[in-house]
N, C-alpha and C. Protein backbone atom coordinates (compact mmCIF):
# COMPACT_ATOMS: atom_id res chain seq x y z
N MET A 1 24.54 90.86 81.62
CA MET A 1 24.12 91.06 80.24
C MET A 1 25.20 91.80 79.49
N SER A 2 25.82 91.16 78.48
CA SER A 2 26.86 91.83 77.71
C SER A 2 26.34 92.26 76.34
N SER A 3 25.46 91.46 75.71
CA SER A 3 24.87 91.86 74.43
C SER A 3 23.77 92.88 74.68
N ILE A 4 23.56 93.75 73.71
CA ILE A 4 22.60 94.84 73.86
C ILE A 4 21.55 94.76 72.75
N GLY A 5 20.27 94.81 73.15
CA GLY A 5 19.20 94.83 72.18
C GLY A 5 18.96 96.24 71.68
N SER A 6 17.90 96.42 70.92
CA SER A 6 17.55 97.73 70.39
C SER A 6 17.30 98.71 71.54
N ILE A 7 17.64 99.98 71.31
CA ILE A 7 17.55 101.01 72.35
C ILE A 7 16.43 101.99 72.02
N THR A 8 15.59 102.28 73.02
CA THR A 8 14.54 103.28 72.89
C THR A 8 14.86 104.45 73.80
N LEU A 9 15.02 105.64 73.24
CA LEU A 9 15.25 106.84 74.06
C LEU A 9 13.95 107.24 74.75
N VAL A 10 14.00 107.36 76.07
CA VAL A 10 12.82 107.72 76.85
C VAL A 10 12.82 109.20 77.20
N ASP A 11 14.00 109.74 77.52
CA ASP A 11 14.09 111.15 77.92
C ASP A 11 15.53 111.60 77.71
N GLN A 12 15.70 112.88 77.57
CA GLN A 12 17.04 113.46 77.49
C GLN A 12 17.02 114.82 78.15
N ARG A 13 18.17 115.21 78.69
CA ARG A 13 18.24 116.45 79.44
C ARG A 13 19.42 117.27 78.95
N SER A 14 19.22 118.58 78.87
CA SER A 14 20.27 119.47 78.40
C SER A 14 21.32 119.67 79.48
N TRP A 15 22.43 120.28 79.09
CA TRP A 15 23.52 120.52 80.03
C TRP A 15 23.08 121.42 81.19
N ASP A 16 22.28 122.42 80.92
CA ASP A 16 21.85 123.32 81.99
C ASP A 16 21.10 122.56 83.08
N GLY A 17 20.21 121.66 82.67
CA GLY A 17 19.46 120.88 83.65
C GLY A 17 20.34 119.93 84.43
N LEU A 18 21.30 119.31 83.74
CA LEU A 18 22.21 118.38 84.41
C LEU A 18 23.10 119.10 85.40
N GLU A 19 23.61 120.26 85.02
CA GLU A 19 24.46 121.03 85.92
C GLU A 19 23.69 121.41 87.18
N ALA A 20 22.43 121.82 87.01
CA ALA A 20 21.61 122.20 88.17
C ALA A 20 21.45 121.02 89.12
N SER A 21 21.29 119.82 88.59
CA SER A 21 21.16 118.63 89.44
C SER A 21 22.43 118.36 90.22
N PHE A 22 23.57 118.60 89.62
CA PHE A 22 24.83 118.38 90.32
C PHE A 22 24.96 119.26 91.56
N ARG A 23 24.40 120.43 91.49
CA ARG A 23 24.50 121.34 92.64
C ARG A 23 23.64 120.86 93.81
N GLU A 24 22.77 119.90 93.55
CA GLU A 24 21.93 119.33 94.62
C GLU A 24 22.45 117.98 95.11
N VAL A 25 23.60 117.54 94.60
CA VAL A 25 24.20 116.28 95.07
C VAL A 25 24.68 116.45 96.51
N SER A 26 24.31 115.50 97.36
CA SER A 26 24.70 115.58 98.77
C SER A 26 25.69 114.48 99.11
N LEU A 27 26.18 114.52 100.33
CA LEU A 27 27.07 113.47 100.82
C LEU A 27 26.23 112.31 101.35
N LEU A 28 26.74 111.09 101.16
CA LEU A 28 26.02 109.93 101.66
C LEU A 28 25.94 109.96 103.18
N GLY A 29 26.96 110.51 103.82
CA GLY A 29 26.99 110.55 105.28
C GLY A 29 26.20 111.68 105.90
N ASP A 30 25.84 112.68 105.09
CA ASP A 30 25.07 113.81 105.62
C ASP A 30 24.33 114.45 104.44
N SER A 31 23.04 114.22 104.37
CA SER A 31 22.25 114.69 103.23
C SER A 31 22.03 116.20 103.23
N THR A 32 22.55 116.89 104.26
CA THR A 32 22.41 118.35 104.30
C THR A 32 23.65 119.06 103.77
N ILE A 33 24.67 118.29 103.39
CA ILE A 33 25.91 118.86 102.86
C ILE A 33 25.95 118.65 101.35
N PHE A 34 26.16 119.75 100.61
CA PHE A 34 26.16 119.71 99.15
C PHE A 34 27.53 120.16 98.64
N PRO A 35 28.45 119.22 98.40
CA PRO A 35 29.83 119.58 98.06
C PRO A 35 29.97 120.36 96.76
N TYR A 36 29.02 120.21 95.83
CA TYR A 36 29.13 120.87 94.53
C TYR A 36 28.29 122.14 94.43
N ARG A 37 27.66 122.55 95.51
CA ARG A 37 26.70 123.67 95.46
C ARG A 37 27.34 124.92 94.84
N ASN A 38 28.57 125.25 95.23
CA ASN A 38 29.22 126.46 94.73
C ASN A 38 30.46 126.16 93.88
N ALA A 39 30.54 124.92 93.41
CA ALA A 39 31.70 124.51 92.62
C ALA A 39 31.61 125.05 91.19
N LYS A 40 32.74 125.03 90.50
CA LYS A 40 32.77 125.34 89.07
C LYS A 40 32.56 124.03 88.32
N ILE A 41 31.48 123.93 87.55
CA ILE A 41 31.12 122.69 86.87
C ILE A 41 31.02 122.96 85.37
N SER A 42 31.74 122.18 84.59
CA SER A 42 31.74 122.39 83.14
C SER A 42 31.94 121.07 82.42
N LEU A 43 31.73 121.09 81.10
CA LEU A 43 32.04 119.95 80.25
C LEU A 43 33.42 120.17 79.64
N ARG A 44 34.21 119.09 79.59
CA ARG A 44 35.56 119.21 79.06
C ARG A 44 35.93 117.92 78.34
N ILE A 45 36.65 118.05 77.22
CA ILE A 45 37.15 116.88 76.52
C ILE A 45 38.56 116.59 77.00
N VAL A 46 38.81 115.35 77.41
CA VAL A 46 40.11 114.99 77.99
C VAL A 46 40.66 113.72 77.34
N GLU A 47 41.93 113.50 77.58
CA GLU A 47 42.60 112.27 77.17
C GLU A 47 42.49 111.25 78.31
N PHE A 48 42.68 110.00 77.97
CA PHE A 48 42.64 108.91 78.94
C PHE A 48 43.58 109.17 80.11
N ASP A 49 44.80 109.60 79.82
CA ASP A 49 45.81 109.76 80.86
C ASP A 49 45.73 111.09 81.60
N ASP A 50 44.72 111.90 81.29
CA ASP A 50 44.60 113.20 81.95
C ASP A 50 44.05 113.08 83.38
N VAL A 51 43.46 111.94 83.71
CA VAL A 51 42.81 111.81 85.02
C VAL A 51 43.36 110.62 85.78
N TYR A 52 43.09 110.62 87.09
CA TYR A 52 43.52 109.54 87.97
C TYR A 52 42.29 108.73 88.40
N PRO A 53 42.29 107.43 88.18
CA PRO A 53 41.17 106.62 88.67
C PRO A 53 41.24 106.48 90.19
N ILE A 54 40.11 106.16 90.80
CA ILE A 54 40.09 105.89 92.24
C ILE A 54 39.58 104.48 92.52
N SER A 55 39.19 103.77 91.48
CA SER A 55 38.75 102.39 91.62
C SER A 55 39.91 101.47 91.30
N ARG A 56 40.00 100.34 92.00
CA ARG A 56 41.06 99.37 91.76
C ARG A 56 40.59 98.23 90.85
N TYR A 57 39.36 98.31 90.37
CA TYR A 57 38.85 97.20 89.57
C TYR A 57 37.90 97.68 88.47
N LEU A 58 37.76 96.84 87.46
CA LEU A 58 36.77 96.99 86.41
C LEU A 58 36.02 95.68 86.30
N LEU A 59 34.78 95.73 85.86
CA LEU A 59 34.00 94.51 85.66
C LEU A 59 33.97 94.17 84.18
N ARG A 60 34.30 92.93 83.87
CA ARG A 60 34.37 92.49 82.48
C ARG A 60 33.04 92.71 81.75
N THR A 61 31.93 92.40 82.44
CA THR A 61 30.62 92.58 81.81
C THR A 61 30.34 94.05 81.51
N HIS A 62 30.77 94.94 82.39
CA HIS A 62 30.54 96.37 82.17
C HIS A 62 31.34 96.88 80.98
N LEU A 63 32.54 96.37 80.79
CA LEU A 63 33.34 96.75 79.63
C LEU A 63 32.63 96.34 78.35
N ASP A 64 32.10 95.13 78.33
CA ASP A 64 31.37 94.65 77.16
C ASP A 64 30.11 95.48 76.93
N ILE A 65 29.39 95.77 78.00
CA ILE A 65 28.14 96.53 77.88
C ILE A 65 28.40 97.92 77.33
N GLN A 66 29.43 98.61 77.84
CA GLN A 66 29.72 99.96 77.37
C GLN A 66 30.12 99.95 75.90
N HIS A 67 30.87 98.94 75.48
CA HIS A 67 31.24 98.82 74.07
C HIS A 67 29.99 98.64 73.21
N ASN A 68 29.11 97.75 73.61
CA ASN A 68 27.91 97.46 72.83
C ASN A 68 26.92 98.61 72.86
N LEU A 69 26.80 99.27 74.02
CA LEU A 69 25.92 100.43 74.11
C LEU A 69 26.35 101.52 73.13
N ARG A 70 27.64 101.78 73.09
CA ARG A 70 28.11 102.83 72.19
C ARG A 70 27.79 102.49 70.74
N GLU A 71 28.03 101.24 70.35
CA GLU A 71 27.76 100.84 68.97
C GLU A 71 26.27 100.98 68.64
N GLN A 72 25.40 100.56 69.58
CA GLN A 72 23.97 100.63 69.33
C GLN A 72 23.48 102.08 69.26
N PHE A 73 23.97 102.92 70.16
CA PHE A 73 23.57 104.33 70.16
C PHE A 73 24.01 105.03 68.88
N LEU A 74 25.23 104.75 68.44
CA LEU A 74 25.71 105.36 67.20
C LEU A 74 24.87 104.89 66.02
N GLN A 75 24.57 103.62 65.98
CA GLN A 75 23.84 103.05 64.85
C GLN A 75 22.38 103.49 64.82
N GLU A 76 21.72 103.50 65.99
CA GLU A 76 20.29 103.75 66.03
C GLU A 76 19.92 105.22 66.26
N HIS A 77 20.79 105.96 66.95
CA HIS A 77 20.41 107.34 67.32
C HIS A 77 21.47 108.38 66.99
N GLY A 78 22.62 107.95 66.48
CA GLY A 78 23.68 108.90 66.16
C GLY A 78 24.27 109.57 67.39
N ILE A 79 24.19 108.90 68.54
CA ILE A 79 24.71 109.44 69.79
C ILE A 79 25.98 108.69 70.16
N ASP A 80 27.04 109.45 70.47
CA ASP A 80 28.29 108.86 70.92
C ASP A 80 28.33 108.93 72.44
N THR A 81 28.33 107.78 73.11
CA THR A 81 28.31 107.77 74.58
C THR A 81 29.62 108.25 75.19
N LEU A 82 30.64 108.46 74.36
CA LEU A 82 31.89 109.05 74.83
C LEU A 82 31.89 110.57 74.64
N ASP A 83 30.80 111.10 74.11
CA ASP A 83 30.74 112.54 73.81
C ASP A 83 29.33 113.07 74.03
N LEU A 84 28.80 112.86 75.22
CA LEU A 84 27.46 113.36 75.56
C LEU A 84 27.55 114.85 75.88
N HIS A 85 26.70 115.65 75.23
CA HIS A 85 26.72 117.08 75.47
C HIS A 85 25.46 117.71 74.88
N GLY A 86 25.34 119.03 75.06
CA GLY A 86 24.20 119.76 74.52
C GLY A 86 22.87 119.25 75.04
N LYS A 87 21.92 119.04 74.14
CA LYS A 87 20.59 118.59 74.54
C LYS A 87 20.58 117.14 74.99
N GLN A 88 21.67 116.43 74.74
CA GLN A 88 21.77 115.02 75.12
C GLN A 88 22.90 114.81 76.13
N SER A 89 23.00 115.72 77.09
CA SER A 89 24.03 115.59 78.12
C SER A 89 23.70 114.50 79.12
N ASP A 90 22.42 114.19 79.25
CA ASP A 90 21.96 113.17 80.20
C ASP A 90 20.80 112.45 79.52
N ILE A 91 20.94 111.14 79.32
CA ILE A 91 19.93 110.40 78.57
C ILE A 91 19.33 109.28 79.42
N THR A 92 18.05 109.06 79.23
CA THR A 92 17.34 107.94 79.85
C THR A 92 16.83 107.07 78.72
N PHE A 93 17.04 105.76 78.84
CA PHE A 93 16.69 104.88 77.73
C PHE A 93 16.29 103.49 78.22
N ARG A 94 15.67 102.77 77.33
CA ARG A 94 15.28 101.39 77.61
C ARG A 94 15.95 100.47 76.60
N VAL A 95 16.50 99.39 77.12
CA VAL A 95 17.14 98.39 76.26
C VAL A 95 16.16 97.24 76.05
N GLN A 96 15.99 96.84 74.82
CA GLN A 96 15.07 95.75 74.49
C GLN A 96 15.36 94.51 75.34
N GLY A 97 14.31 94.01 75.98
CA GLY A 97 14.45 92.82 76.82
C GLY A 97 14.73 93.11 78.27
N GLU A 98 14.96 94.40 78.61
CA GLU A 98 15.24 94.80 79.99
C GLU A 98 14.04 95.56 80.55
N SER A 99 13.67 95.27 81.79
CA SER A 99 12.50 95.93 82.39
C SER A 99 12.83 97.30 82.96
N GLU A 100 14.05 97.50 83.44
CA GLU A 100 14.41 98.76 84.08
C GLU A 100 14.89 99.79 83.07
N LEU A 101 14.66 101.06 83.41
CA LEU A 101 15.21 102.14 82.62
C LEU A 101 16.69 102.31 82.94
N TRP A 102 17.47 102.70 81.95
CA TRP A 102 18.88 102.97 82.12
C TRP A 102 19.11 104.48 82.00
N HIS A 103 20.15 104.97 82.68
CA HIS A 103 20.49 106.39 82.63
C HIS A 103 21.97 106.53 82.33
N MET A 104 22.32 107.59 81.63
CA MET A 104 23.74 107.83 81.35
C MET A 104 24.00 109.31 81.22
N ALA A 105 25.04 109.77 81.93
CA ALA A 105 25.56 111.13 81.81
C ALA A 105 27.06 110.99 81.55
N PRO A 106 27.76 112.06 81.20
CA PRO A 106 29.20 111.94 81.00
C PRO A 106 29.91 111.48 82.28
N PRO A 107 31.09 110.86 82.14
CA PRO A 107 31.88 110.52 83.32
C PRO A 107 32.16 111.76 84.17
N ILE A 108 32.40 111.55 85.45
CA ILE A 108 32.56 112.66 86.39
C ILE A 108 34.00 112.73 86.89
N VAL A 109 34.62 113.89 86.71
CA VAL A 109 35.98 114.13 87.18
C VAL A 109 35.96 115.28 88.17
N GLU A 110 36.55 115.05 89.33
CA GLU A 110 36.59 116.08 90.37
C GLU A 110 38.05 116.43 90.67
N VAL A 111 38.38 117.70 90.55
CA VAL A 111 39.72 118.17 90.89
C VAL A 111 39.83 118.19 92.42
N SER A 112 40.74 117.37 92.95
CA SER A 112 40.82 117.18 94.39
C SER A 112 41.90 118.05 95.02
N GLU A 113 41.47 119.05 95.77
CA GLU A 113 42.41 119.92 96.48
C GLU A 113 43.17 119.14 97.55
N ALA A 114 42.54 118.11 98.09
CA ALA A 114 43.20 117.29 99.11
C ALA A 114 44.35 116.47 98.54
N ASP A 115 44.40 116.36 97.20
CA ASP A 115 45.45 115.58 96.54
C ASP A 115 46.28 116.45 95.60
N GLY A 116 46.47 117.69 96.00
CA GLY A 116 47.32 118.58 95.24
C GLY A 116 46.76 119.01 93.90
N GLY A 117 45.44 118.98 93.77
CA GLY A 117 44.81 119.41 92.52
C GLY A 117 44.73 118.34 91.46
N LYS A 118 44.91 117.07 91.83
CA LYS A 118 44.81 115.99 90.85
C LYS A 118 43.35 115.80 90.43
N PRO A 119 43.08 115.61 89.14
CA PRO A 119 41.72 115.34 88.69
C PRO A 119 41.39 113.85 88.89
N LEU A 120 40.41 113.57 89.74
CA LEU A 120 40.07 112.19 90.09
C LEU A 120 38.80 111.76 89.35
N LEU A 121 38.83 110.56 88.80
CA LEU A 121 37.67 110.02 88.09
C LEU A 121 36.70 109.41 89.10
N VAL A 122 35.67 110.16 89.42
CA VAL A 122 34.71 109.75 90.44
C VAL A 122 33.74 108.69 89.89
N ASP A 123 33.41 108.77 88.61
CA ASP A 123 32.46 107.85 88.01
C ASP A 123 32.70 107.77 86.51
N GLY A 124 32.67 106.55 85.96
CA GLY A 124 32.80 106.39 84.52
C GLY A 124 34.06 105.68 84.06
N GLU A 125 34.66 104.85 84.93
CA GLU A 125 35.92 104.21 84.57
C GLU A 125 35.81 103.24 83.39
N HIS A 126 34.64 102.59 83.24
CA HIS A 126 34.50 101.64 82.13
C HIS A 126 34.48 102.36 80.78
N ARG A 127 33.85 103.51 80.71
CA ARG A 127 33.87 104.27 79.46
C ARG A 127 35.25 104.84 79.17
N PHE A 128 35.99 105.19 80.23
CA PHE A 128 37.37 105.65 80.02
C PHE A 128 38.22 104.53 79.42
N MET A 129 38.03 103.32 79.92
CA MET A 129 38.80 102.20 79.38
C MET A 129 38.40 101.93 77.92
N LEU A 130 37.11 102.10 77.62
CA LEU A 130 36.66 101.95 76.24
C LEU A 130 37.30 103.01 75.35
N ALA A 131 37.34 104.26 75.83
CA ALA A 131 37.96 105.34 75.07
C ALA A 131 39.42 105.04 74.80
N SER A 132 40.11 104.49 75.80
CA SER A 132 41.51 104.13 75.63
C SER A 132 41.68 103.06 74.55
N LYS A 133 40.81 102.05 74.60
CA LYS A 133 40.87 100.97 73.62
C LYS A 133 40.64 101.49 72.20
N LEU A 134 39.73 102.45 72.07
CA LEU A 134 39.39 102.99 70.76
C LEU A 134 40.30 104.15 70.35
N LYS A 135 41.23 104.53 71.29
CA LYS A 135 42.15 105.65 71.05
C LYS A 135 41.38 106.94 70.77
N LYS A 136 40.36 107.19 71.60
CA LYS A 136 39.54 108.39 71.46
C LYS A 136 39.58 109.23 72.72
N LYS A 137 39.36 110.52 72.54
CA LYS A 137 39.17 111.40 73.69
C LYS A 137 37.76 111.20 74.21
N ILE A 138 37.50 111.73 75.41
CA ILE A 138 36.18 111.54 76.02
C ILE A 138 35.74 112.83 76.70
N ARG A 139 34.44 113.13 76.57
CA ARG A 139 33.90 114.34 77.20
C ARG A 139 33.44 114.00 78.61
N VAL A 140 33.85 114.82 79.58
CA VAL A 140 33.54 114.55 80.99
C VAL A 140 32.90 115.77 81.64
N ILE A 141 32.29 115.54 82.78
CA ILE A 141 31.85 116.62 83.66
C ILE A 141 33.03 116.94 84.56
N TRP A 142 33.54 118.15 84.46
CA TRP A 142 34.76 118.56 85.16
C TRP A 142 34.37 119.49 86.31
N ILE A 143 34.69 119.08 87.53
CA ILE A 143 34.24 119.83 88.71
C ILE A 143 35.45 120.36 89.47
N GLU A 144 35.46 121.67 89.70
CA GLU A 144 36.55 122.34 90.40
C GLU A 144 36.02 123.13 91.59
N ASN A 145 36.93 123.54 92.45
CA ASN A 145 36.62 124.40 93.59
C ASN A 145 35.67 123.74 94.59
N VAL A 146 35.82 122.44 94.78
CA VAL A 146 35.07 121.74 95.82
C VAL A 146 35.77 121.98 97.15
N PRO A 147 35.06 122.35 98.22
CA PRO A 147 35.71 122.59 99.50
C PRO A 147 36.61 121.43 99.93
N LYS A 148 37.82 121.76 100.34
CA LYS A 148 38.80 120.75 100.73
C LYS A 148 38.32 119.91 101.90
N LYS A 149 37.41 120.44 102.70
CA LYS A 149 36.92 119.70 103.87
C LYS A 149 35.96 118.58 103.48
N TYR A 150 35.61 118.48 102.20
CA TYR A 150 34.76 117.39 101.71
C TYR A 150 35.53 116.57 100.67
N PRO A 151 36.57 115.87 101.07
CA PRO A 151 37.42 115.18 100.10
C PRO A 151 36.73 113.96 99.47
N VAL A 152 37.25 113.56 98.31
CA VAL A 152 36.81 112.31 97.68
C VAL A 152 37.17 111.16 98.62
N VAL A 153 36.31 110.14 98.69
CA VAL A 153 36.50 109.08 99.70
C VAL A 153 37.76 108.26 99.47
N SER A 154 38.25 108.19 98.22
CA SER A 154 39.37 107.32 97.90
C SER A 154 40.59 108.11 97.44
N LEU A 155 41.76 107.51 97.60
CA LEU A 155 42.99 108.13 97.16
C LEU A 155 43.21 107.86 95.66
N PRO A 156 43.93 108.76 95.00
CA PRO A 156 44.18 108.58 93.56
C PRO A 156 45.09 107.38 93.30
N LEU A 157 44.81 106.69 92.19
CA LEU A 157 45.60 105.54 91.75
C LEU A 157 46.12 105.82 90.34
N THR A 158 46.72 104.82 89.74
CA THR A 158 47.09 104.89 88.33
C THR A 158 46.29 103.83 87.59
N TRP A 159 46.22 103.93 86.28
CA TRP A 159 45.49 102.93 85.50
C TRP A 159 46.14 101.56 85.60
N HIS A 160 47.44 101.53 85.89
CA HIS A 160 48.13 100.25 86.04
C HIS A 160 47.71 99.52 87.33
N ASP A 161 47.10 100.24 88.26
CA ASP A 161 46.66 99.63 89.52
C ASP A 161 45.36 98.84 89.34
N MET A 162 44.70 99.01 88.21
CA MET A 162 43.38 98.40 88.01
C MET A 162 43.48 96.96 87.54
N GLN A 163 42.52 96.14 88.00
CA GLN A 163 42.40 94.77 87.56
C GLN A 163 40.97 94.53 87.06
N ILE A 164 40.82 93.58 86.16
CA ILE A 164 39.51 93.25 85.60
C ILE A 164 38.98 91.99 86.27
N PHE A 165 37.74 92.07 86.77
CA PHE A 165 37.12 90.94 87.47
C PHE A 165 35.79 90.59 86.82
N ASP A 166 35.33 89.37 87.10
CA ASP A 166 34.00 88.96 86.66
C ASP A 166 32.93 89.40 87.65
N ARG A 167 33.33 89.57 88.91
CA ARG A 167 32.40 90.01 89.95
C ARG A 167 33.07 91.06 90.83
N VAL A 168 32.25 91.85 91.53
CA VAL A 168 32.78 92.88 92.41
C VAL A 168 33.65 92.23 93.49
N PRO A 169 34.88 92.69 93.66
CA PRO A 169 35.78 92.10 94.66
C PRO A 169 35.40 92.51 96.08
N PRO A 170 36.00 91.89 97.09
CA PRO A 170 35.78 92.30 98.48
C PRO A 170 36.19 93.76 98.68
N GLU A 171 35.77 94.32 99.80
CA GLU A 171 36.03 95.72 100.11
C GLU A 171 37.50 96.10 99.95
N SER A 172 38.39 95.21 100.39
CA SER A 172 39.83 95.50 100.36
C SER A 172 40.36 95.64 98.94
N GLY A 173 39.63 95.10 97.96
CA GLY A 173 40.09 95.16 96.59
C GLY A 173 39.43 96.24 95.76
N LYS A 174 38.56 97.05 96.37
CA LYS A 174 37.81 98.04 95.60
C LYS A 174 38.52 99.38 95.48
N ARG A 175 39.05 99.88 96.60
CA ARG A 175 39.66 101.20 96.63
C ARG A 175 40.73 101.26 97.71
N ILE A 176 41.50 102.33 97.70
CA ILE A 176 42.34 102.66 98.84
C ILE A 176 41.67 103.87 99.50
N TYR A 177 41.06 103.62 100.63
CA TYR A 177 40.25 104.66 101.26
C TYR A 177 41.10 105.71 101.97
N ARG A 178 40.61 106.94 101.89
CA ARG A 178 41.32 108.05 102.51
C ARG A 178 41.35 107.92 104.03
N PHE A 179 40.28 107.39 104.58
CA PHE A 179 40.18 107.20 106.03
C PHE A 179 40.05 105.72 106.34
N PRO A 180 40.88 105.17 107.24
CA PRO A 180 40.89 103.73 107.49
C PRO A 180 39.68 103.21 108.25
N GLU A 181 39.02 104.08 109.02
CA GLU A 181 37.90 103.62 109.83
C GLU A 181 36.74 103.22 108.93
N HIS A 182 36.21 102.01 109.14
CA HIS A 182 35.18 101.48 108.25
C HIS A 182 33.95 102.38 108.18
N ASN A 183 33.54 102.94 109.31
CA ASN A 183 32.32 103.75 109.30
C ASN A 183 32.52 105.12 108.65
N ARG A 184 33.77 105.40 108.23
CA ARG A 184 34.01 106.67 107.53
C ARG A 184 34.34 106.44 106.05
N HIS A 185 34.40 105.17 105.64
CA HIS A 185 34.73 104.87 104.25
C HIS A 185 33.86 105.66 103.29
N TYR A 186 32.57 105.68 103.56
CA TYR A 186 31.63 106.25 102.60
C TYR A 186 30.97 107.54 103.07
N PHE A 187 31.44 108.12 104.17
CA PHE A 187 30.80 109.34 104.65
C PHE A 187 30.83 110.44 103.59
N PHE A 188 31.99 110.61 102.95
CA PHE A 188 32.14 111.68 101.96
C PHE A 188 31.75 111.24 100.55
N TYR A 189 31.23 110.03 100.42
CA TYR A 189 30.80 109.52 99.11
C TYR A 189 29.71 110.44 98.54
N ARG A 190 29.88 110.85 97.29
CA ARG A 190 28.89 111.72 96.66
C ARG A 190 27.69 110.86 96.25
N ASP A 191 26.52 111.21 96.70
CA ASP A 191 25.31 110.47 96.36
C ASP A 191 24.86 110.90 94.97
N LEU A 192 25.28 110.13 93.96
CA LEU A 192 25.02 110.49 92.56
C LEU A 192 23.79 109.79 92.01
N SER A 193 22.96 109.24 92.88
CA SER A 193 21.79 108.48 92.43
C SER A 193 20.84 109.33 91.60
N MET A 194 20.81 110.63 91.84
CA MET A 194 19.91 111.51 91.08
C MET A 194 20.49 111.85 89.70
N ILE A 195 21.75 111.48 89.48
CA ILE A 195 22.37 111.76 88.19
C ILE A 195 22.26 110.53 87.29
N ALA A 196 23.21 109.61 87.42
CA ALA A 196 23.16 108.42 86.58
C ALA A 196 23.89 107.25 87.19
N SER A 197 24.57 107.48 88.29
CA SER A 197 25.38 106.41 88.87
C SER A 197 24.53 105.37 89.57
N GLY A 198 24.98 104.12 89.50
CA GLY A 198 24.28 103.04 90.20
C GLY A 198 24.64 102.97 91.66
N GLY A 199 25.56 103.82 92.10
CA GLY A 199 25.92 103.85 93.51
C GLY A 199 26.98 102.82 93.86
N ILE A 200 27.05 102.47 95.13
CA ILE A 200 28.05 101.54 95.63
C ILE A 200 27.70 100.11 95.21
N ARG A 201 28.62 99.44 94.56
CA ARG A 201 28.36 98.09 94.10
C ARG A 201 28.58 97.08 95.23
N SER A 202 27.67 96.14 95.37
CA SER A 202 27.79 95.12 96.41
C SER A 202 28.77 94.04 95.98
N VAL A 203 29.44 93.44 96.95
CA VAL A 203 30.42 92.41 96.69
C VAL A 203 29.75 91.23 95.97
N GLY A 204 30.40 90.77 94.90
CA GLY A 204 29.87 89.63 94.16
C GLY A 204 28.96 90.01 93.02
N SER A 205 28.52 91.27 92.97
CA SER A 205 27.62 91.70 91.91
C SER A 205 28.35 91.73 90.57
N ILE A 206 27.63 91.45 89.48
CA ILE A 206 28.21 91.54 88.16
C ILE A 206 27.70 92.77 87.42
N LEU A 207 26.75 93.52 88.03
CA LEU A 207 26.23 94.73 87.39
C LEU A 207 26.24 95.88 88.39
């Protein structure tokens, strides 16, 4: 779905509530480990080139959806999806014609001690690409002081490494994993399902 119908806001959450939820994010490989429990978590406005992506691909439909979502939110609710903050740091909404509820929080950037302190874009690459196209800055959730023993699953890339696809590519085209063993690919993956992320995309999926 690339076109967007009318949007109905169902719920919204302030920054304090969203930050508290981040401290309860666990690892996919071990639900008893909370990498952000004692981290420094804040909102920050950044430029497109301030962060390093970790995904090697973008989905064409997602780029269209993020563009249309932003236009609809601005028109109907005065909300800029590139600048979520305050009482609208985390929003839940329904799109006309869609049965499922949608969720959105700011993109997530984690400063990776395992990569010399590089800020890695953990979630939100499609909105970053939209911000670049519109020549706008973007507000992100900026996470620091994560224990080095819980590294991000993927190595940092550059924006030039990314390709646009119609469907999710095979595993080899998604990321450059920090650990080569298949059963460790996602052990350190942050389970962001309680925030707004759709999680790991299956091969061939368009959403």
